[in-house]
PDB file of all heavy atoms in Angstrom:
ATOM      1  N   ASP A   1      63.870 149.437-105.754  1.00  0.00           N
ATOM      2  CA  ASP A   1      62.661 148.652-105.958  1.00  0.00           C
ATOM      3  C   ASP A   1      62.771 147.946-107.302  1.00  0.00           C
ATOM      4  O   ASP A   1      63.625 148.285-108.144  1.00  0.00           O
ATOM      5  CB  ASP A   1      61.439 149.574-105.934  1.00  0.00           C
ATOM      6  CG  ASP A   1      60.210 148.893-105.362  1.00  0.00           C
ATOM      7  OD1 ASP A   1      60.201 147.648-105.305  1.00  0.00           O
ATOM      8  OD2 ASP A   1      59.265 149.596-104.972  1.00  0.00           O
ATOM      9  N   ARG A   2      61.927 146.994-107.508  1.00  0.00           N
ATOM     10  CA  ARG A   2      61.864 146.280-108.797  1.00  0.00           C
ATOM     11  C   ARG A   2      61.787 147.290-109.943  1.00  0.00           C
ATOM     12  O   ARG A   2      60.923 148.168-109.968  1.00  0.00           O
ATOM     13  CB  ARG A   2      60.625 145.392-108.791  1.00  0.00           C
ATOM     14  CG  ARG A   2      60.361 144.548-110.018  1.00  0.00           C
ATOM     15  CD  ARG A   2      59.092 143.782-109.722  1.00  0.00           C
ATOM     16  NE  ARG A   2      58.688 142.811-110.710  1.00  0.00           N
ATOM     17  CZ  ARG A   2      57.671 142.976-111.550  1.00  0.00           C
ATOM     18  NH1 ARG A   2      56.969 144.104-111.561  1.00  0.00           N
ATOM     19  NH2 ARG A   2      57.322 142.001-112.373  1.00  0.00           N
ATOM     20  N   GLY A   3      62.709 147.198-110.899  1.00  0.00           N
ATOM     21  CA  GLY A   3      62.728 148.092-112.045  1.00  0.00           C
ATOM     22  C   GLY A   3      63.614 149.310-111.885  1.00  0.00           C
ATOM     23  O   GLY A   3      63.831 150.045-112.857  1.00  0.00           O
ATOM     24  N   GLU A   4      64.148 149.536-110.692  1.00  0.00           N
ATOM     25  CA  GLU A   4      65.000 150.703-110.462  1.00  0.00           C
ATOM     26  C   GLU A   4      66.474 150.319-110.583  1.00  0.00           C
ATOM     27  O   GLU A   4      66.849 149.164-110.371  1.00  0.00           O
ATOM     28  CB  GLU A   4      64.731 151.302-109.085  1.00  0.00           C
ATOM     29  CG  GLU A   4      63.328 151.866-108.946  1.00  0.00           C
ATOM     30  CD  GLU A   4      63.058 152.487-107.589  1.00  0.00           C
ATOM     31  OE1 GLU A   4      63.688 152.046-106.592  1.00  0.00           O
ATOM     32  OE2 GLU A   4      62.227 153.400-107.516  1.00  0.00           O
ATOM     33  N   SER A   5      67.308 151.317-110.905  1.00  0.00           N
ATOM     34  CA  SER A   5      68.724 151.067-111.137  1.00  0.00           C
ATOM     35  C   SER A   5      69.592 152.063-110.386  1.00  0.00           C
ATOM     36  O   SER A   5      69.166 153.193-110.092  1.00  0.00           O
ATOM     37  CB  SER A   5      69.065 151.162-112.631  1.00  0.00           C
ATOM     38  OG  SER A   5      68.409 150.170-113.382  1.00  0.00           O
ATOM     39  N   TYR A   6      70.808 151.634-110.122  1.00  0.00           N
ATOM     40  CA  TYR A   6      71.869 152.499-109.639  1.00  0.00           C
ATOM     41  C   TYR A   6      73.016 152.379-110.630  1.00  0.00           C
ATOM     42  O   TYR A   6      73.338 151.276-111.087  1.00  0.00           O
ATOM     43  CB  TYR A   6      72.354 152.063-108.256  1.00  0.00           C
ATOM     44  CG  TYR A   6      73.680 152.693-107.877  1.00  0.00           C
ATOM     45  CD1 TYR A   6      73.726 153.954-107.296  1.00  0.00           C
ATOM     46  CD2 TYR A   6      74.890 152.035-108.136  1.00  0.00           C
ATOM     47  CE1 TYR A   6      74.944 154.547-106.980  1.00  0.00           C
ATOM     48  CE2 TYR A   6      76.108 152.626-107.816  1.00  0.00           C
ATOM     49  CZ  TYR A   6      76.118 153.873-107.242  1.00  0.00           C
ATOM     50  OH  TYR A   6      77.328 154.473-106.930  1.00  0.00           O
ATOM     51  N   ALA A   7      73.634 153.502-110.976  1.00  0.00           N
ATOM     52  CA  ALA A   7      74.760 153.447-111.906  1.00  0.00           C
ATOM     53  C   ALA A   7      75.772 154.524-111.555  1.00  0.00           C
ATOM     54  O   ALA A   7      75.413 155.629-111.125  1.00  0.00           O
ATOM     55  CB  ALA A   7      74.281 153.624-113.349  1.00  0.00           C
ATOM     56  N   ASP A   8      77.040 154.182-111.718  1.00  0.00           N
ATOM     57  CA  ASP A   8      78.110 155.161-111.637  1.00  0.00           C
ATOM     58  C   ASP A   8      79.124 154.787-112.714  1.00  0.00           C
ATOM     59  O   ASP A   8      78.781 154.091-113.667  1.00  0.00           O
ATOM     60  CB  ASP A   8      78.728 155.214-110.224  1.00  0.00           C
ATOM     61  CG  ASP A   8      79.302 153.870-109.760  1.00  0.00           C
ATOM     62  OD1 ASP A   8      79.609 153.016-110.617  1.00  0.00           O
ATOM     63  OD2 ASP A   8      79.436 153.682-108.536  1.00  0.00           O
ATOM     64  N   GLY A   9      80.339 155.221-112.590  1.00  0.00           N
ATOM     65  CA  GLY A   9      81.307 154.945-113.643  1.00  0.00           C
ATOM     66  C   GLY A   9      81.838 153.536-113.666  1.00  0.00           C
ATOM     67  O   GLY A   9      82.536 153.144-114.611  1.00  0.00           O
ATOM     68  N   ARG A  10      81.498 152.744-112.637  1.00  0.00           N
ATOM     69  CA  ARG A  10      82.036 151.386-112.556  1.00  0.00           C
ATOM     70  C   ARG A  10      80.979 150.302-112.754  1.00  0.00           C
ATOM     71  O   ARG A  10      81.254 149.268-113.362  1.00  0.00           O
ATOM     72  CB  ARG A  10      82.723 151.175-111.204  1.00  0.00           C
ATOM     73  CG  ARG A  10      84.012 151.959-111.013  1.00  0.00           C
ATOM     74  CD  ARG A  10      84.653 151.675-109.678  1.00  0.00           C
ATOM     75  NE  ARG A  10      83.921 152.298-108.587  1.00  0.00           N
ATOM     76  CZ  ARG A  10      84.282 153.436-107.989  1.00  0.00           C
ATOM     77  NH1 ARG A  10      85.368 154.075-108.391  1.00  0.00           N
ATOM     78  NH2 ARG A  10      83.568 153.929-106.995  1.00  0.00           N
ATOM     79  N   VAL A  11      79.797 150.507-112.193  1.00  0.00           N
ATOM     80  CA  VAL A  11      78.771 149.460-112.226  1.00  0.00           C
ATOM     81  C   VAL A  11      77.408 150.042-112.561  1.00  0.00           C
ATOM     82  O   VAL A  11      77.150 151.227-112.335  1.00  0.00           O
ATOM     83  CB  VAL A  11      78.667 148.713-110.867  1.00  0.00           C
ATOM     84  CG1 VAL A  11      79.999 148.112-110.456  1.00  0.00           C
ATOM     85  CG2 VAL A  11      78.114 149.610-109.790  1.00  0.00           C
ATOM     86  N   GLN A  12      76.556 149.180-113.095  1.00  0.00           N
ATOM     87  CA  GLN A  12      75.125 149.475-113.171  1.00  0.00           C
ATOM     88  C   GLN A  12      74.404 148.292-112.542  1.00  0.00           C
ATOM     89  O   GLN A  12      74.593 147.147-112.964  1.00  0.00           O
ATOM     90  CB  GLN A  12      74.658 149.662-114.606  1.00  0.00           C
ATOM     91  CG  GLN A  12      73.134 149.868-114.694  1.00  0.00           C
ATOM     92  CD  GLN A  12      72.663 150.165-116.104  1.00  0.00           C
ATOM     93  OE1 GLN A  12      73.120 151.106-116.740  1.00  0.00           O
ATOM     94  NE2 GLN A  12      71.761 149.332-116.600  1.00  0.00           N
ATOM     95  N   VAL A  13      73.618 148.571-111.509  1.00  0.00           N
ATOM     96  CA  VAL A  13      72.877 147.536-110.803  1.00  0.00           C
ATOM     97  C   VAL A  13      71.391 147.803-110.986  1.00  0.00           C
ATOM     98  O   VAL A  13      70.908 148.888-110.650  1.00  0.00           O
ATOM     99  CB  VAL A  13      73.230 147.513-109.302  1.00  0.00           C
ATOM    100  CG1 VAL A  13      72.403 146.455-108.585  1.00  0.00           C
ATOM    101  CG2 VAL A  13      74.715 147.264-109.103  1.00  0.00           C
ATOM    102  N   THR A  14      70.673 146.823-111.522  1.00  0.00           N
ATOM    103  CA  THR A  14      69.229 146.947-111.722  1.00  0.00           C
ATOM    104  C   THR A  14      68.528 145.881-110.897  1.00  0.00           C
ATOM    105  O   THR A  14      68.926 144.708-110.917  1.00  0.00           O
ATOM    106  CB  THR A  14      68.859 146.781-113.205  1.00  0.00           C
ATOM    107  OG1 THR A  14      69.546 147.780-113.969  1.00  0.00           O
ATOM    108  CG2 THR A  14      67.357 146.938-113.409  1.00  0.00           C
ATOM    109  N   ALA A  15      67.510 146.299-110.172  1.00  0.00           N
ATOM    110  CA  ALA A  15      66.733 145.368-109.353  1.00  0.00           C
ATOM    111  C   ALA A  15      65.607 144.759-110.181  1.00  0.00           C
ATOM    112  O   ALA A  15      64.869 145.472-110.864  1.00  0.00           O
ATOM    113  CB  ALA A  15      66.161 146.084-108.138  1.00  0.00           C
ATOM    114  N   PHE A  16      65.482 143.453-110.098  1.00  0.00           N
ATOM    115  CA  PHE A  16      64.356 142.741-110.681  1.00  0.00           C
ATOM    116  C   PHE A  16      63.579 142.062-109.556  1.00  0.00           C
ATOM    117  O   PHE A  16      63.878 142.232-108.380  1.00  0.00           O
ATOM    118  CB  PHE A  16      64.848 141.747-111.738  1.00  0.00           C
ATOM    119  CG  PHE A  16      65.296 142.423-112.996  1.00  0.00           C
ATOM    120  CD1 PHE A  16      66.624 142.804-113.170  1.00  0.00           C
ATOM    121  CD2 PHE A  16      64.387 142.742-113.993  1.00  0.00           C
ATOM    122  CE1 PHE A  16      67.031 143.463-114.320  1.00  0.00           C
ATOM    123  CE2 PHE A  16      64.778 143.409-115.150  1.00  0.00           C
ATOM    124  CZ  PHE A  16      66.119 143.769-115.315  1.00  0.00           C
ATOM    125  N   GLY A  17      62.575 141.325-109.903  1.00  0.00           N
ATOM    126  CA  GLY A  17      61.668 140.810-108.892  1.00  0.00           C
ATOM    127  C   GLY A  17      62.179 139.564-108.190  1.00  0.00           C
ATOM    128  O   GLY A  17      63.234 139.014-108.501  1.00  0.00           O
ATOM    129  N   SER A  18      61.387 139.130-107.219  1.00  0.00           N
ATOM    130  CA  SER A  18      61.646 137.905-106.490  1.00  0.00           C
ATOM    131  C   SER A  18      60.317 137.196-106.276  1.00  0.00           C
ATOM    132  O   SER A  18      59.255 137.820-106.356  1.00  0.00           O
ATOM    133  CB  SER A  18      62.303 138.211-105.143  1.00  0.00           C
ATOM    134  OG  SER A  18      62.495 137.025-104.393  1.00  0.00           O
ATOM    135  N   THR A  19      60.389 135.910-106.006  1.00  0.00           N
ATOM    136  CA  THR A  19      59.179 135.174-105.636  1.00  0.00           C
ATOM    137  C   THR A  19      59.174 134.901-104.134  1.00  0.00           C
ATOM    138  O   THR A  19      58.429 134.055-103.645  1.00  0.00           O
ATOM    139  CB  THR A  19      59.089 133.853-106.425  1.00  0.00           C
ATOM    140  OG1 THR A  19      60.382 133.247-106.480  1.00  0.00           O
ATOM    141  CG2 THR A  19      58.594 134.112-107.839  1.00  0.00           C
ATOM    142  N   ASP A  20      60.022 135.636-103.433  1.00  0.00           N
ATOM    143  CA  ASP A  20      60.049 135.637-101.978  1.00  0.00           C
ATOM    144  C   ASP A  20      60.251 137.095-101.571  1.00  0.00           C
ATOM    145  O   ASP A  20      59.762 137.988-102.244  1.00  0.00           O
ATOM    146  CB  ASP A  20      61.163 134.724-101.457  1.00  0.00           C
ATOM    147  CG  ASP A  20      60.939 134.263-100.022  1.00  0.00           C
ATOM    148  OD1 ASP A  20      60.271 134.995 -99.272  1.00  0.00           O
ATOM    149  OD2 ASP A  20      61.429 133.194 -99.644  1.00  0.00           O
ATOM    150  N   LEU A  21      60.981 137.360-100.530  1.00  0.00           N
ATOM    151  CA  LEU A  21      61.250 138.740-100.143  1.00  0.00           C
ATOM    152  C   LEU A  21      62.258 139.377-101.088  1.00  0.00           C
ATOM    153  O   LEU A  21      63.022 138.711-101.766  1.00  0.00           O
ATOM    154  CB  LEU A  21      61.806 138.794 -98.713  1.00  0.00           C
ATOM    155  CG  LEU A  21      60.879 138.388 -97.567  1.00  0.00           C
ATOM    156  CD1 LEU A  21      61.589 138.577 -96.233  1.00  0.00           C
ATOM    157  CD2 LEU A  21      59.585 139.183 -97.597  1.00  0.00           C
ATOM    158  N   GLY A  22      62.252 140.722-101.094  1.00  0.00           N
ATOM    159  CA  GLY A  22      63.307 141.475-101.726  1.00  0.00           C
ATOM    160  C   GLY A  22      63.317 141.443-103.237  1.00  0.00           C
ATOM    161  O   GLY A  22      62.277 141.416-103.890  1.00  0.00           O
ATOM    162  N   VAL A  23      64.536 141.427-103.781  1.00  0.00           N
ATOM    163  CA  VAL A  23      64.731 141.572-105.217  1.00  0.00           C
ATOM    164  C   VAL A  23      65.830 140.613-105.677  1.00  0.00           C
ATOM    165  O   VAL A  23      66.499 139.964-104.883  1.00  0.00           O
ATOM    166  CB  VAL A  23      65.151 143.019-105.578  1.00  0.00           C
ATOM    167  CG1 VAL A  23      64.037 144.012-105.245  1.00  0.00           C
ATOM    168  CG2 VAL A  23      66.458 143.421-104.881  1.00  0.00           C
ATOM    169  N   SER A  24      65.990 140.550-106.975  1.00  0.00           N
ATOM    170  CA  SER A  24      67.163 139.954-107.608  1.00  0.00           C
ATOM    171  C   SER A  24      67.917 141.094-108.289  1.00  0.00           C
ATOM    172  O   SER A  24      67.382 142.189-108.446  1.00  0.00           O
ATOM    173  CB  SER A  24      66.744 138.886-108.627  1.00  0.00           C
ATOM    174  OG  SER A  24      65.769 139.400-109.521  1.00  0.00           O
ATOM    175  N   TYR A  25      69.168 140.846-108.683  1.00  0.00           N
ATOM    176  CA  TYR A  25      69.985 141.923-109.242  1.00  0.00           C
ATOM    177  C   TYR A  25      70.660 141.521-110.544  1.00  0.00           C
ATOM    178  O   TYR A  25      71.262 140.443-110.639  1.00  0.00           O
ATOM    179  CB  TYR A  25      71.095 142.317-108.276  1.00  0.00           C
ATOM    180  CG  TYR A  25      70.633 143.035-107.016  1.00  0.00           C
ATOM    181  CD1 TYR A  25      70.829 142.444-105.773  1.00  0.00           C
ATOM    182  CD2 TYR A  25      70.048 144.290-107.069  1.00  0.00           C
ATOM    183  CE1 TYR A  25      70.441 143.091-104.609  1.00  0.00           C
ATOM    184  CE2 TYR A  25      69.651 144.942-105.913  1.00  0.00           C
ATOM    185  CZ  TYR A  25      69.846 144.344-104.687  1.00  0.00           C
ATOM    186  OH  TYR A  25      69.453 144.996-103.532  1.00  0.00           O
ATOM    187  N   GLU A  26      70.577 142.426-111.532  1.00  0.00           N
ATOM    188  CA  GLU A  26      71.473 142.360-112.678  1.00  0.00           C
ATOM    189  C   GLU A  26      72.597 143.351-112.429  1.00  0.00           C
ATOM    190  O   GLU A  26      72.354 144.512-112.106  1.00  0.00           O
ATOM    191  CB  GLU A  26      70.752 142.717-113.980  1.00  0.00           C
ATOM    192  CG  GLU A  26      71.684 142.652-115.194  1.00  0.00           C
ATOM    193  CD  GLU A  26      71.141 143.374-116.412  1.00  0.00           C
ATOM    194  OE1 GLU A  26      70.513 144.440-116.257  1.00  0.00           O
ATOM    195  OE2 GLU A  26      71.373 142.879-117.536  1.00  0.00           O
ATOM    196  N   ILE A  27      73.827 142.885-112.571  1.00  0.00           N
ATOM    197  CA  ILE A  27      75.011 143.717-112.360  1.00  0.00           C
ATOM    198  C   ILE A  27      75.761 143.782-113.684  1.00  0.00           C
ATOM    199  O   ILE A  27      76.225 142.761-114.202  1.00  0.00           O
ATOM    200  CB  ILE A  27      75.930 143.111-111.285  1.00  0.00           C
ATOM    201  CG1 ILE A  27      75.151 142.854-109.984  1.00  0.00           C
ATOM    202  CG2 ILE A  27      77.130 144.010-111.026  1.00  0.00           C
ATOM    203  CD1 ILE A  27      75.827 141.845-109.065  1.00  0.00           C
ATOM    204  N   VAL A  28      75.873 144.972-114.240  1.00  0.00           N
ATOM    205  CA  VAL A  28      76.616 145.158-115.484  1.00  0.00           C
ATOM    206  C   VAL A  28      77.894 145.908-115.155  1.00  0.00           C
ATOM    207  O   VAL A  28      77.865 147.022-114.625  1.00  0.00           O
ATOM    208  CB  VAL A  28      75.789 145.935-116.526  1.00  0.00           C
ATOM    209  CG1 VAL A  28      76.606 146.158-117.797  1.00  0.00           C
ATOM    210  CG2 VAL A  28      74.498 145.187-116.855  1.00  0.00           C
ATOM    211  N   THR A  29      79.015 145.269-115.425  1.00  0.00           N
ATOM    212  CA  THR A  29      80.311 145.877-115.121  1.00  0.00           C
ATOM    213  C   THR A  29      81.383 145.236-115.983  1.00  0.00           C
ATOM    214  O   THR A  29      81.271 144.059-116.348  1.00  0.00           O
ATOM    215  CB  THR A  29      80.651 145.722-113.625  1.00  0.00           C
ATOM    216  OG1 THR A  29      81.853 146.435-113.316  1.00  0.00           O
ATOM    217  CG2 THR A  29      80.815 144.261-113.225  1.00  0.00           C
TER     218      THR A  29
END
């Protein structure tokens, strides 16, 4: 959901908002 993240040893993915369906993503790797 917006504001939630997934992280492991390779990537960190954080969901941000959208002005339509779903989310946008920041990917740190």
